[in-house]
Amino acid sequence: MNFDTLGTVMRRALVLGATVGFAVGLATGLVGLAIAGWPGLASGLVGAVLTILFLGITALGLLLSGRVTRRGGMAASAVLMLAWFVKLIVFVLVMIALRTQSWVVPGVLLVSIVGTVIASLVIDAVVVGRARIPVTDRV
């Protein structure tokens, strides 16, 4: 019986998440193109790419924390908190920078970000739900 490792589960989630994220970005970009022209297309694509990058930071943080776990649970928690903190700071800075851009359509950007996040959450739940991860009792 073959079991999945944290690496294979995260890799599967990243590949499927990126694929669905680009599909959502393309869909919101095309709707944005129909509504607001080229700025709408750019806003939809930028929102999806940003979300995929932030989801990648989470996956990398989980993989890194899995390697650090051998040193103790506090180290793994510190790595995850650091990854989330970096994401928060970068997200705020990117949103401040995008706010002043004339080519950004805020509604399309918002729908693209929210749609990609929801799609990636569904993908993550399906990937983890189908993973074959052994559960053992370490006594």
Protein backbone atom coordinates (compact mmCIF):
# COMPACT_ATOMS: atom_id res chain seq x y z
CA MET A 1 0.00 0.00 0.00
CA ASN A 2 1.47 3.34 -1.04
CA PHE A 3 1.00 6.33 1.22
CA ASP A 4 1.34 10.01 0.38
CA THR A 5 3.92 12.20 2.00
CA LEU A 6 3.52 15.85 2.91
CA GLY A 7 5.62 16.72 -0.14
CA THR A 8 3.43 14.83 -2.60
CA VAL A 9 0.22 16.25 -1.12
CA MET A 10 1.57 19.83 -1.22
CA ARG A 11 2.92 19.37 -4.76
CA ARG A 12 -0.47 18.07 -5.93
CA ALA A 13 -2.26 20.95 -4.21
CA LEU A 14 0.13 23.50 -5.74
CA VAL A 15 -0.19 22.16 -9.29
CA LEU A 16 -3.97 21.86 -9.19
CA GLY A 17 -4.32 25.18 -7.34
CA ALA A 18 -2.17 27.00 -9.88
CA THR A 19 -4.07 25.45 -12.78
CA VAL A 20 -7.46 26.39 -11.36
CA GLY A 21 -6.13 29.79 -10.30
CA PHE A 22 -5.03 30.61 -13.82
CA ALA A 23 -8.41 29.42 -15.13
CA VAL A 24 -10.22 31.70 -12.67
CA GLY A 25 -7.87 34.54 -13.59
CA LEU A 26 -8.55 34.03 -17.27
CA ALA A 27 -12.32 33.90 -16.69
CA THR A 28 -12.38 37.04 -14.53
CA GLY A 29 -9.97 38.70 -16.94
CA LEU A 30 -12.27 38.00 -19.89
CA VAL A 31 -15.27 39.30 -17.97
CA GLY A 32 -13.20 42.34 -17.00
CA LEU A 33 -12.24 42.79 -20.65
CA ALA A 34 -15.91 42.81 -21.61
CA ILE A 35 -16.80 45.25 -18.82
CA ALA A 36 -13.85 47.63 -18.65
CA GLY A 37 -11.56 46.83 -21.58
CA TRP A 38 -7.87 46.00 -21.26
CA PRO A 39 -7.57 47.29 -17.68
CA GLY A 40 -10.24 44.76 -16.66
CA LEU A 41 -8.29 41.92 -18.27
CA ALA A 42 -5.10 43.01 -16.54
CA SER A 43 -6.86 43.33 -13.17
CA GLY A 44 -8.31 39.82 -13.41
CA LEU A 45 -4.97 38.27 -14.32
CA VAL A 46 -3.01 40.23 -11.71
CA GLY A 47 -5.47 39.22 -8.97
CA ALA A 48 -5.17 35.54 -9.85
CA VAL A 49 -1.36 35.62 -10.10
CA LEU A 50 -1.06 37.41 -6.74
CA THR A 51 -3.32 34.88 -5.08
CA ILE A 52 -1.41 31.94 -6.54
CA LEU A 53 1.87 33.43 -5.30
CA PHE A 54 0.47 33.86 -1.80
CA LEU A 55 -0.87 30.30 -1.79
CA GLY A 56 2.57 29.14 -2.86
CA ILE A 57 4.10 30.90 0.14
CA THR A 58 1.75 28.94 2.40
CA ALA A 59 2.64 25.63 0.77
CA LEU A 60 6.36 26.38 1.02
CA GLY A 61 5.89 27.34 4.67
CA LEU A 62 4.16 24.02 5.34
CA LEU A 63 6.90 22.07 3.59
CA LEU A 64 9.60 23.98 5.46
CA SER A 65 7.80 23.52 8.77
CA GLY A 66 7.61 19.78 8.06
CA ARG A 67 11.38 19.70 7.79
CA VAL A 68 11.85 21.83 10.90
CA THR A 69 9.40 19.70 12.90
CA ARG A 70 12.21 17.30 13.67
CA ARG A 71 13.62 20.04 15.92
CA GLY A 72 10.35 20.50 17.77
CA GLY A 73 6.82 21.78 17.43
CA MET A 74 7.70 25.36 18.37
CA ALA A 75 10.11 25.66 15.45
CA ALA A 76 7.46 24.46 13.00
CA SER A 77 4.93 26.89 14.44
CA ALA A 78 7.45 29.72 14.16
CA VAL A 79 8.06 28.94 10.48
CA LEU A 80 4.32 28.93 9.72
CA MET A 81 3.72 32.18 11.62
CA LEU A 82 6.64 33.81 9.80
CA ALA A 83 5.23 32.72 6.41
CA TRP A 84 1.79 34.10 7.27
CA PHE A 85 3.28 37.35 8.56
CA VAL A 86 5.34 37.78 5.36
CA LYS A 87 2.20 37.17 3.30
CA LEU A 88 0.27 39.77 5.27
CA ILE A 89 2.95 42.44 4.90
CA VAL A 90 3.50 41.77 1.20
CA PHE A 91 -0.27 41.72 0.54
CA VAL A 92 -0.79 45.09 2.24
CA LEU A 93 2.15 46.64 0.38
CA VAL A 94 0.98 45.28 -2.99
CA MET A 95 -2.58 46.52 -2.42
CA ILE A 96 -1.26 49.98 -1.49
CA ALA A 97 0.87 50.02 -4.64
CA LEU A 98 -2.01 48.82 -6.85
CA ARG A 99 -4.44 51.34 -5.37
CA THR A 100 -2.66 54.19 -7.12
CA GLN A 101 -2.49 52.52 -10.54
CA SER A 102 -4.86 53.88 -13.16
CA TRP A 103 -5.16 50.55 -15.00
CA VAL A 104 -6.58 48.63 -12.03
CA VAL A 105 -10.32 47.93 -11.97
CA PRO A 106 -10.97 47.33 -8.24
CA GLY A 107 -14.12 45.21 -8.67
CA VAL A 108 -12.49 42.83 -11.15
CA LEU A 109 -9.38 42.57 -8.95
CA LEU A 110 -11.53 41.75 -5.91
CA VAL A 111 -13.60 39.10 -7.73
CA SER A 112 -10.43 37.55 -9.12
CA ILE A 113 -8.76 37.34 -5.70
CA VAL A 114 -11.86 36.01 -3.92
CA GLY A 115 -12.66 33.54 -6.72
CA THR A 116 -9.13 32.17 -6.77
CA VAL A 117 -9.02 31.84 -2.97
CA ILE A 118 -12.33 29.96 -2.89
CA ALA A 119 -11.27 27.69 -5.75
CA SER A 120 -7.94 26.94 -4.07
CA LEU A 121 -9.66 26.13 -0.78
CA VAL A 122 -11.86 23.62 -2.59
CA ILE A 123 -8.81 22.14 -4.34
CA ASP A 124 -6.90 21.88 -1.03
CA ALA A 125 -9.83 20.17 0.66
CA VAL A 126 -10.20 17.65 -2.18
CA VAL A 127 -6.45 16.92 -2.36
CA VAL A 128 -6.10 16.44 1.40
CA GLY A 129 -9.34 14.44 1.56
CA ARG A 130 -8.12 12.02 -1.11
CA ALA A 131 -4.59 11.74 0.28
CA ARG A 132 -3.55 8.42 1.69
CA ILE A 133 -1.85 9.50 4.89
CA PRO A 134 -1.23 6.88 7.56
CA VAL A 135 -2.38 7.59 11.09
CA THR A 136 -0.33 5.94 13.79
CA ASP A 137 -0.24 5.99 17.54
CA ARG A 138 3.24 6.75 18.83
CA VAL A 139 3.20 4.99 22.17
